[in-house]
N, C-alpha and C. Protein backbone atom coordinates (compact mmCIF):
# COMPACT_ATOMS: atom_id res chain seq x y z
N MET A 1 -113.45 23.55 -18.89
CA MET A 1 -112.41 24.51 -18.55
C MET A 1 -111.10 24.03 -19.18
N ARG A 2 -110.42 24.92 -19.84
CA ARG A 2 -109.16 24.56 -20.49
C ARG A 2 -108.09 24.24 -19.47
N ALA A 3 -107.15 23.41 -19.89
CA ALA A 3 -106.08 22.97 -18.99
C ALA A 3 -105.28 24.16 -18.46
N ARG A 4 -105.08 25.15 -19.30
CA ARG A 4 -104.30 26.31 -18.84
C ARG A 4 -105.03 27.06 -17.73
N ASN A 5 -106.35 27.18 -17.85
CA ASN A 5 -107.12 27.86 -16.81
C ASN A 5 -107.06 27.09 -15.49
N VAL A 6 -107.13 25.77 -15.59
CA VAL A 6 -107.02 24.94 -14.39
C VAL A 6 -105.64 25.13 -13.76
N ALA A 7 -104.61 25.14 -14.59
CA ALA A 7 -103.25 25.33 -14.08
C ALA A 7 -103.10 26.69 -13.42
N LEU A 8 -103.68 27.72 -14.00
CA LEU A 8 -103.62 29.06 -13.40
C LEU A 8 -104.36 29.09 -12.06
N LEU A 9 -105.51 28.46 -12.00
CA LEU A 9 -106.28 28.42 -10.76
C LEU A 9 -105.52 27.66 -9.67
N LEU A 10 -104.95 26.52 -10.01
CA LEU A 10 -104.19 25.75 -9.04
C LEU A 10 -102.92 26.48 -8.60
N THR A 11 -102.29 27.18 -9.53
CA THR A 11 -101.10 27.96 -9.18
C THR A 11 -101.47 29.09 -8.22
N ALA A 12 -102.59 29.75 -8.48
CA ALA A 12 -103.04 30.83 -7.58
C ALA A 12 -103.31 30.28 -6.19
N ALA A 13 -103.96 29.13 -6.12
CA ALA A 13 -104.24 28.51 -4.81
C ALA A 13 -102.93 28.15 -4.10
N LEU A 14 -101.97 27.64 -4.85
CA LEU A 14 -100.68 27.28 -4.27
C LEU A 14 -99.94 28.52 -3.77
N VAL A 15 -100.00 29.60 -4.52
CA VAL A 15 -99.33 30.83 -4.10
C VAL A 15 -99.95 31.35 -2.80
N VAL A 16 -101.27 31.29 -2.69
CA VAL A 16 -101.93 31.70 -1.44
C VAL A 16 -101.43 30.84 -0.29
N TYR A 17 -101.38 29.54 -0.51
CA TYR A 17 -100.88 28.62 0.53
C TYR A 17 -99.43 28.95 0.91
N LEU A 18 -98.59 29.22 -0.09
CA LEU A 18 -97.19 29.54 0.19
C LEU A 18 -97.06 30.84 0.98
N VAL A 19 -97.89 31.82 0.66
CA VAL A 19 -97.87 33.08 1.40
C VAL A 19 -98.27 32.85 2.86
N LEU A 20 -99.32 32.06 3.06
CA LEU A 20 -99.75 31.76 4.43
C LEU A 20 -98.67 30.99 5.19
N LEU A 21 -98.01 30.08 4.50
CA LEU A 21 -96.92 29.33 5.13
C LEU A 21 -95.76 30.26 5.49
N ALA A 22 -95.44 31.19 4.60
CA ALA A 22 -94.36 32.14 4.88
C ALA A 22 -94.73 33.03 6.07
N GLU A 23 -95.99 33.44 6.16
CA GLU A 23 -96.42 34.24 7.31
C GLU A 23 -96.26 33.46 8.61
N ARG A 24 -96.57 32.19 8.59
CA ARG A 24 -96.41 31.34 9.78
C ARG A 24 -94.93 31.24 10.14
N ALA A 25 -94.07 31.13 9.13
CA ALA A 25 -92.62 31.06 9.38
C ALA A 25 -92.14 32.34 10.04
N VAL A 26 -92.58 33.48 9.54
CA VAL A 26 -92.18 34.77 10.13
C VAL A 26 -92.68 34.87 11.57
N ALA A 27 -93.89 34.40 11.82
CA ALA A 27 -94.42 34.43 13.19
C ALA A 27 -93.57 33.58 14.12
N LEU A 28 -93.11 32.44 13.64
CA LEU A 28 -92.24 31.59 14.46
C LEU A 28 -90.90 32.28 14.73
N ILE A 29 -90.35 32.92 13.72
CA ILE A 29 -89.07 33.60 13.89
C ILE A 29 -89.21 34.75 14.89
N ARG A 30 -90.34 35.45 14.85
CA ARG A 30 -90.57 36.60 15.75
C ARG A 30 -90.73 36.20 17.21
N THR A 31 -90.92 34.91 17.48
CA THR A 31 -91.04 34.51 18.89
C THR A 31 -89.75 34.81 19.65
N GLY A 32 -88.64 34.82 18.93
CA GLY A 32 -87.35 35.13 19.56
C GLY A 32 -86.70 33.96 20.27
N THR A 33 -87.40 32.86 20.38
CA THR A 33 -86.79 31.69 21.03
C THR A 33 -85.95 30.92 20.01
N VAL A 34 -84.98 30.20 20.53
CA VAL A 34 -84.11 29.41 19.66
C VAL A 34 -84.93 28.41 18.85
N ALA A 35 -85.85 27.72 19.53
CA ALA A 35 -86.70 26.74 18.85
C ALA A 35 -87.59 27.42 17.81
N GLY A 36 -88.18 28.54 18.16
CA GLY A 36 -89.06 29.26 17.24
C GLY A 36 -88.31 29.74 16.01
N ILE A 37 -87.12 30.29 16.23
CA ILE A 37 -86.32 30.78 15.11
C ILE A 37 -85.90 29.61 14.21
N GLY A 38 -85.47 28.53 14.83
CA GLY A 38 -85.06 27.36 14.06
C GLY A 38 -86.20 26.79 13.24
N LEU A 39 -87.36 26.62 13.89
CA LEU A 39 -88.53 26.12 13.16
C LEU A 39 -88.97 27.11 12.09
N GLY A 40 -88.94 28.39 12.40
CA GLY A 40 -89.34 29.42 11.44
C GLY A 40 -88.48 29.39 10.19
N ILE A 41 -87.17 29.24 10.39
CA ILE A 41 -86.27 29.17 9.23
C ILE A 41 -86.56 27.91 8.42
N GLY A 42 -86.78 26.80 9.15
CA GLY A 42 -87.10 25.55 8.45
C GLY A 42 -88.39 25.66 7.66
N VAL A 43 -89.41 26.27 8.27
CA VAL A 43 -90.70 26.43 7.59
C VAL A 43 -90.58 27.42 6.43
N LEU A 44 -89.73 28.43 6.57
CA LEU A 44 -89.55 29.42 5.50
C LEU A 44 -88.92 28.80 4.26
N ILE A 45 -88.15 27.76 4.44
CA ILE A 45 -87.53 27.08 3.29
C ILE A 45 -88.61 26.46 2.40
N LEU A 46 -89.69 25.97 2.99
CA LEU A 46 -90.74 25.31 2.21
C LEU A 46 -91.39 26.23 1.18
N PRO A 47 -91.84 27.43 1.54
CA PRO A 47 -92.42 28.28 0.50
C PRO A 47 -91.40 28.71 -0.56
N LEU A 48 -90.14 28.85 -0.15
CA LEU A 48 -89.12 29.20 -1.14
C LEU A 48 -88.94 28.07 -2.15
N LEU A 49 -88.89 26.83 -1.65
CA LEU A 49 -88.80 25.68 -2.55
C LEU A 49 -90.05 25.58 -3.42
N GLY A 50 -91.21 25.81 -2.81
CA GLY A 50 -92.46 25.77 -3.57
C GLY A 50 -92.50 26.80 -4.67
N LEU A 51 -92.06 28.00 -4.37
CA LEU A 51 -92.02 29.06 -5.37
C LEU A 51 -91.08 28.70 -6.51
N TRP A 52 -89.92 28.17 -6.17
CA TRP A 52 -88.97 27.74 -7.20
C TRP A 52 -89.59 26.66 -8.08
N MET A 53 -90.29 25.71 -7.47
CA MET A 53 -90.91 24.63 -8.25
C MET A 53 -92.02 25.16 -9.16
N VAL A 54 -92.80 26.10 -8.68
CA VAL A 54 -93.86 26.68 -9.51
C VAL A 54 -93.25 27.41 -10.70
N ILE A 55 -92.23 28.22 -10.46
CA ILE A 55 -91.59 28.96 -11.54
C ILE A 55 -90.96 28.00 -12.55
N ALA A 56 -90.26 26.98 -12.07
CA ALA A 56 -89.62 26.02 -12.97
C ALA A 56 -90.66 25.26 -13.79
N THR A 57 -91.78 24.89 -13.17
CA THR A 57 -92.82 24.15 -13.88
C THR A 57 -93.48 25.01 -14.95
N TRP A 58 -93.81 26.25 -14.62
CA TRP A 58 -94.41 27.15 -15.60
C TRP A 58 -93.45 27.46 -16.74
N ARG A 59 -92.19 27.66 -16.40
CA ARG A 59 -91.19 27.94 -17.44
C ARG A 59 -91.08 26.77 -18.41
N SER A 60 -90.99 25.57 -17.85
CA SER A 60 -90.92 24.38 -18.69
C SER A 60 -92.18 24.23 -19.53
N GLY A 61 -93.33 24.44 -18.92
CA GLY A 61 -94.59 24.31 -19.65
C GLY A 61 -94.71 25.29 -20.80
N THR A 62 -94.28 26.53 -20.59
CA THR A 62 -94.36 27.52 -21.67
C THR A 62 -93.37 27.20 -22.79
N ARG A 63 -92.21 26.67 -22.43
CA ARG A 63 -91.24 26.28 -23.46
C ARG A 63 -91.75 25.10 -24.27
N ILE A 64 -92.38 24.14 -23.60
CA ILE A 64 -92.94 22.99 -24.31
C ILE A 64 -94.10 23.44 -25.19
N GLN A 65 -94.92 24.35 -24.70
CA GLN A 65 -96.03 24.87 -25.50
C GLN A 65 -95.50 25.59 -26.74
N HIS A 66 -94.40 26.30 -26.60
CA HIS A 66 -93.76 26.97 -27.74
C HIS A 66 -93.37 25.93 -28.79
N LEU A 67 -92.77 24.82 -28.35
CA LEU A 67 -92.39 23.77 -29.29
C LEU A 67 -93.62 23.18 -29.97
N ALA A 68 -94.68 22.96 -29.20
CA ALA A 68 -95.91 22.37 -29.76
C ALA A 68 -96.49 23.30 -30.83
N ARG A 69 -96.52 24.59 -30.54
CA ARG A 69 -97.05 25.54 -31.53
C ARG A 69 -96.19 25.57 -32.78
N ARG A 70 -94.90 25.55 -32.58
CA ARG A 70 -93.99 25.59 -33.72
C ARG A 70 -94.14 24.32 -34.56
N LEU A 71 -94.22 23.19 -33.91
CA LEU A 71 -94.37 21.91 -34.62
C LEU A 71 -95.73 21.85 -35.32
N ASP A 72 -96.76 22.38 -34.67
CA ASP A 72 -98.09 22.41 -35.29
C ASP A 72 -98.08 23.30 -36.52
N ALA A 73 -97.42 24.45 -36.45
CA ALA A 73 -97.33 25.35 -37.60
C ALA A 73 -96.61 24.69 -38.77
N GLU A 74 -95.68 23.80 -38.46
CA GLU A 74 -94.95 23.07 -39.50
C GLU A 74 -95.71 21.84 -39.99
N GLY A 75 -96.83 21.53 -39.34
CA GLY A 75 -97.62 20.36 -39.71
C GLY A 75 -97.05 19.05 -39.20
N GLY A 76 -96.22 19.11 -38.17
CA GLY A 76 -95.58 17.90 -37.68
C GLY A 76 -95.99 17.47 -36.28
N LEU A 77 -97.05 18.07 -35.76
CA LEU A 77 -97.50 17.71 -34.41
C LEU A 77 -98.04 16.28 -34.43
N PRO A 78 -97.62 15.44 -33.48
CA PRO A 78 -98.08 14.05 -33.46
C PRO A 78 -99.60 13.96 -33.33
N ASP A 79 -100.19 13.06 -34.10
CA ASP A 79 -101.63 12.87 -34.05
C ASP A 79 -101.91 11.42 -33.65
N VAL A 80 -102.58 11.26 -32.54
CA VAL A 80 -102.90 9.91 -32.05
C VAL A 80 -104.41 9.67 -32.06
N ALA A 81 -105.15 10.51 -32.79
CA ALA A 81 -106.60 10.40 -32.80
C ALA A 81 -107.08 9.06 -33.36
N ASP A 82 -106.31 8.48 -34.26
CA ASP A 82 -106.75 7.24 -34.89
C ASP A 82 -106.31 5.98 -34.13
N LEU A 83 -105.57 6.13 -33.04
CA LEU A 83 -105.14 4.96 -32.27
C LEU A 83 -106.31 4.41 -31.45
N PRO A 84 -106.41 3.08 -31.37
CA PRO A 84 -107.52 2.49 -30.58
C PRO A 84 -107.38 2.82 -29.11
N ARG A 85 -108.53 3.01 -28.47
CA ARG A 85 -108.55 3.41 -27.06
C ARG A 85 -109.30 2.39 -26.22
N MET A 86 -108.90 2.37 -24.95
CA MET A 86 -109.59 1.53 -23.97
C MET A 86 -110.83 2.29 -23.48
N PRO A 87 -111.73 1.64 -22.77
CA PRO A 87 -112.91 2.34 -22.26
C PRO A 87 -112.56 3.55 -21.39
N SER A 88 -111.40 3.54 -20.75
CA SER A 88 -110.99 4.66 -19.91
C SER A 88 -110.58 5.88 -20.72
N GLY A 89 -110.36 5.70 -22.03
CA GLY A 89 -109.93 6.79 -22.89
C GLY A 89 -108.44 6.77 -23.19
N ARG A 90 -107.70 5.97 -22.45
CA ARG A 90 -106.26 5.85 -22.71
C ARG A 90 -106.04 5.03 -23.97
N VAL A 91 -104.92 5.30 -24.63
CA VAL A 91 -104.57 4.56 -25.84
C VAL A 91 -104.26 3.12 -25.46
N ASP A 92 -104.76 2.20 -26.29
CA ASP A 92 -104.50 0.77 -26.08
C ASP A 92 -103.00 0.54 -25.99
N ARG A 93 -102.59 -0.28 -25.03
CA ARG A 93 -101.17 -0.48 -24.75
C ARG A 93 -100.40 -1.00 -25.97
N ALA A 94 -100.93 -1.98 -26.67
CA ALA A 94 -100.24 -2.54 -27.83
C ALA A 94 -100.10 -1.48 -28.93
N ALA A 95 -101.15 -0.69 -29.13
CA ALA A 95 -101.10 0.38 -30.14
C ALA A 95 -100.10 1.45 -29.73
N ALA A 96 -100.07 1.79 -28.43
CA ALA A 96 -99.12 2.79 -27.94
C ALA A 96 -97.69 2.30 -28.12
N ASP A 97 -97.45 1.03 -27.85
CA ASP A 97 -96.11 0.47 -28.02
C ASP A 97 -95.69 0.49 -29.49
N ALA A 98 -96.60 0.13 -30.39
CA ALA A 98 -96.29 0.15 -31.83
C ALA A 98 -96.02 1.57 -32.30
N TRP A 99 -96.84 2.52 -31.83
CA TRP A 99 -96.66 3.92 -32.22
C TRP A 99 -95.33 4.43 -31.69
N PHE A 100 -94.97 4.00 -30.47
CA PHE A 100 -93.69 4.37 -29.87
C PHE A 100 -92.53 3.87 -30.74
N GLU A 101 -92.60 2.63 -31.18
CA GLU A 101 -91.52 2.06 -32.00
C GLU A 101 -91.35 2.83 -33.30
N GLU A 102 -92.45 3.29 -33.88
CA GLU A 102 -92.37 4.11 -35.10
C GLU A 102 -91.65 5.43 -34.81
N ARG A 103 -91.97 6.07 -33.70
CA ARG A 103 -91.32 7.34 -33.34
C ARG A 103 -89.83 7.12 -33.05
N ARG A 104 -89.52 6.01 -32.40
CA ARG A 104 -88.11 5.73 -32.10
C ARG A 104 -87.32 5.49 -33.39
N ALA A 105 -87.92 4.79 -34.34
CA ALA A 105 -87.26 4.56 -35.63
C ALA A 105 -87.04 5.89 -36.36
N GLU A 106 -88.02 6.79 -36.29
CA GLU A 106 -87.86 8.12 -36.90
C GLU A 106 -86.70 8.87 -36.26
N LEU A 107 -86.62 8.80 -34.95
CA LEU A 107 -85.54 9.51 -34.24
C LEU A 107 -84.17 8.97 -34.63
N GLU A 108 -84.07 7.67 -34.82
CA GLU A 108 -82.79 7.08 -35.23
C GLU A 108 -82.32 7.63 -36.57
N GLN A 109 -83.26 8.02 -37.42
CA GLN A 109 -82.92 8.61 -38.72
C GLN A 109 -82.55 10.10 -38.61
N HIS A 110 -83.04 10.75 -37.54
CA HIS A 110 -82.83 12.20 -37.36
C HIS A 110 -82.47 12.50 -35.91
N PRO A 111 -81.33 12.01 -35.42
CA PRO A 111 -81.03 12.15 -33.99
C PRO A 111 -80.75 13.58 -33.52
N GLY A 112 -80.46 14.49 -34.41
CA GLY A 112 -80.14 15.85 -34.00
C GLY A 112 -81.30 16.82 -34.16
N ASP A 113 -82.47 16.33 -34.52
CA ASP A 113 -83.62 17.19 -34.78
C ASP A 113 -84.57 17.17 -33.60
N TRP A 114 -84.81 18.34 -33.02
CA TRP A 114 -85.67 18.43 -31.84
C TRP A 114 -87.08 17.93 -32.12
N ARG A 115 -87.55 18.03 -33.36
CA ARG A 115 -88.91 17.61 -33.69
C ARG A 115 -89.14 16.13 -33.41
N TYR A 116 -88.14 15.33 -33.73
CA TYR A 116 -88.26 13.89 -33.52
C TYR A 116 -88.12 13.54 -32.04
N TRP A 117 -87.37 14.33 -31.31
CA TRP A 117 -87.29 14.13 -29.86
C TRP A 117 -88.62 14.49 -29.22
N TYR A 118 -89.26 15.54 -29.70
CA TYR A 118 -90.58 15.93 -29.20
C TYR A 118 -91.57 14.79 -29.44
N ARG A 119 -91.57 14.27 -30.66
CA ARG A 119 -92.51 13.17 -30.98
C ARG A 119 -92.24 11.94 -30.12
N LEU A 120 -90.96 11.64 -29.88
CA LEU A 120 -90.64 10.49 -29.04
C LEU A 120 -91.10 10.73 -27.60
N ALA A 121 -90.94 11.96 -27.11
CA ALA A 121 -91.43 12.28 -25.77
C ALA A 121 -92.94 12.07 -25.69
N HIS A 122 -93.64 12.47 -26.73
CA HIS A 122 -95.08 12.26 -26.79
C HIS A 122 -95.40 10.76 -26.78
N ALA A 123 -94.61 9.99 -27.49
CA ALA A 123 -94.82 8.54 -27.53
C ALA A 123 -94.58 7.92 -26.15
N TYR A 124 -93.53 8.36 -25.47
CA TYR A 124 -93.30 7.88 -24.10
C TYR A 124 -94.50 8.20 -23.22
N ASP A 125 -95.03 9.40 -23.35
CA ASP A 125 -96.16 9.81 -22.54
C ASP A 125 -97.37 8.92 -22.81
N ILE A 126 -97.65 8.66 -24.06
CA ILE A 126 -98.79 7.81 -24.41
C ILE A 126 -98.59 6.39 -23.90
N ALA A 127 -97.33 5.93 -23.91
CA ALA A 127 -97.03 4.59 -23.42
C ALA A 127 -97.05 4.53 -21.89
N GLY A 128 -97.15 5.68 -21.23
CA GLY A 128 -97.25 5.71 -19.78
C GLY A 128 -95.93 5.87 -19.05
N ASP A 129 -94.84 6.11 -19.78
CA ASP A 129 -93.53 6.27 -19.15
C ASP A 129 -93.24 7.76 -19.00
N ARG A 130 -93.79 8.37 -17.97
CA ARG A 130 -93.69 9.82 -17.76
C ARG A 130 -92.26 10.28 -17.50
N ARG A 131 -91.50 9.48 -16.77
CA ARG A 131 -90.12 9.87 -16.44
C ARG A 131 -89.30 10.01 -17.72
N ARG A 132 -89.37 9.03 -18.59
CA ARG A 132 -88.63 9.10 -19.85
C ARG A 132 -89.20 10.18 -20.77
N ALA A 133 -90.51 10.39 -20.70
CA ALA A 133 -91.13 11.44 -21.51
C ALA A 133 -90.54 12.80 -21.13
N ARG A 134 -90.43 13.06 -19.82
CA ARG A 134 -89.85 14.35 -19.37
C ARG A 134 -88.40 14.48 -19.79
N ALA A 135 -87.61 13.41 -19.63
CA ALA A 135 -86.19 13.47 -20.00
C ALA A 135 -86.04 13.70 -21.51
N THR A 136 -86.87 13.04 -22.29
CA THR A 136 -86.81 13.19 -23.74
C THR A 136 -87.25 14.58 -24.16
N MET A 137 -88.26 15.12 -23.49
CA MET A 137 -88.71 16.47 -23.81
C MET A 137 -87.63 17.49 -23.45
N ARG A 138 -86.90 17.27 -22.37
CA ARG A 138 -85.79 18.17 -22.03
C ARG A 138 -84.75 18.17 -23.15
N LYS A 139 -84.50 17.00 -23.74
CA LYS A 139 -83.56 16.91 -24.86
C LYS A 139 -84.10 17.69 -26.06
N ALA A 140 -85.40 17.59 -26.33
CA ALA A 140 -86.01 18.35 -27.42
C ALA A 140 -85.86 19.85 -27.18
N LEU A 141 -86.09 20.28 -25.95
CA LEU A 141 -85.95 21.70 -25.61
C LEU A 141 -84.51 22.17 -25.80
N GLU A 142 -83.58 21.34 -25.38
CA GLU A 142 -82.15 21.67 -25.52
C GLU A 142 -81.76 21.80 -26.99
N LEU A 143 -82.20 20.86 -27.82
CA LEU A 143 -81.85 20.90 -29.24
C LEU A 143 -82.52 22.09 -29.95
N GLU A 144 -83.76 22.39 -29.56
CA GLU A 144 -84.45 23.53 -30.18
C GLU A 144 -83.77 24.83 -29.80
N ALA A 145 -83.32 24.93 -28.56
CA ALA A 145 -82.62 26.15 -28.13
C ALA A 145 -81.32 26.32 -28.91
N THR A 146 -80.64 25.21 -29.15
CA THR A 146 -79.41 25.25 -29.94
C THR A 146 -79.71 25.68 -31.38
N ASP A 147 -80.79 25.14 -31.96
CA ASP A 147 -81.21 25.52 -33.32
C ASP A 147 -81.54 26.99 -33.40
N SER A 148 -82.28 27.49 -32.41
CA SER A 148 -82.68 28.89 -32.40
C SER A 148 -81.48 29.82 -32.25
N ALA A 149 -80.50 29.39 -31.47
CA ALA A 149 -79.30 30.21 -31.26
C ALA A 149 -78.46 30.31 -32.53
N ARG A 150 -78.49 29.25 -33.33
CA ARG A 150 -77.71 29.23 -34.57
C ARG A 150 -78.30 30.11 -35.65
N GLY A 151 -79.60 30.24 -35.66
CA GLY A 151 -80.08 31.04 -36.75
C GLY A 151 -81.50 31.17 -36.83
């Protein structure tokens, strides 16, 4: 099953859960008691936050997918197929670190190009630093949006 199909299935399950949670919140509010109304409002905040998180995640994912397609069309999508792997399938740590250093050196030569930020984000991901990978990918998205707005 493709990753997108899994994401759609999980999103659908989450939406069902959020709807059920919202129904429970409304039921609490309808009790008319101070405690019920207070709890109902508190519980209602959860599905609203969940919905916001789902929308933000899907929006980010589609924007990143757009960058990946664009980079692939240009022939610049990072390829890690030749990197040595551990039995678990993850890229060997030393190889990931070396590949990361190459991407960082490329970025230093082209600091304003979203393509190199994308590649660096991919390198962070392979090295296991998800937090920096997300921050770097946000920078790539920001630079690409600026490029697209210019022309």
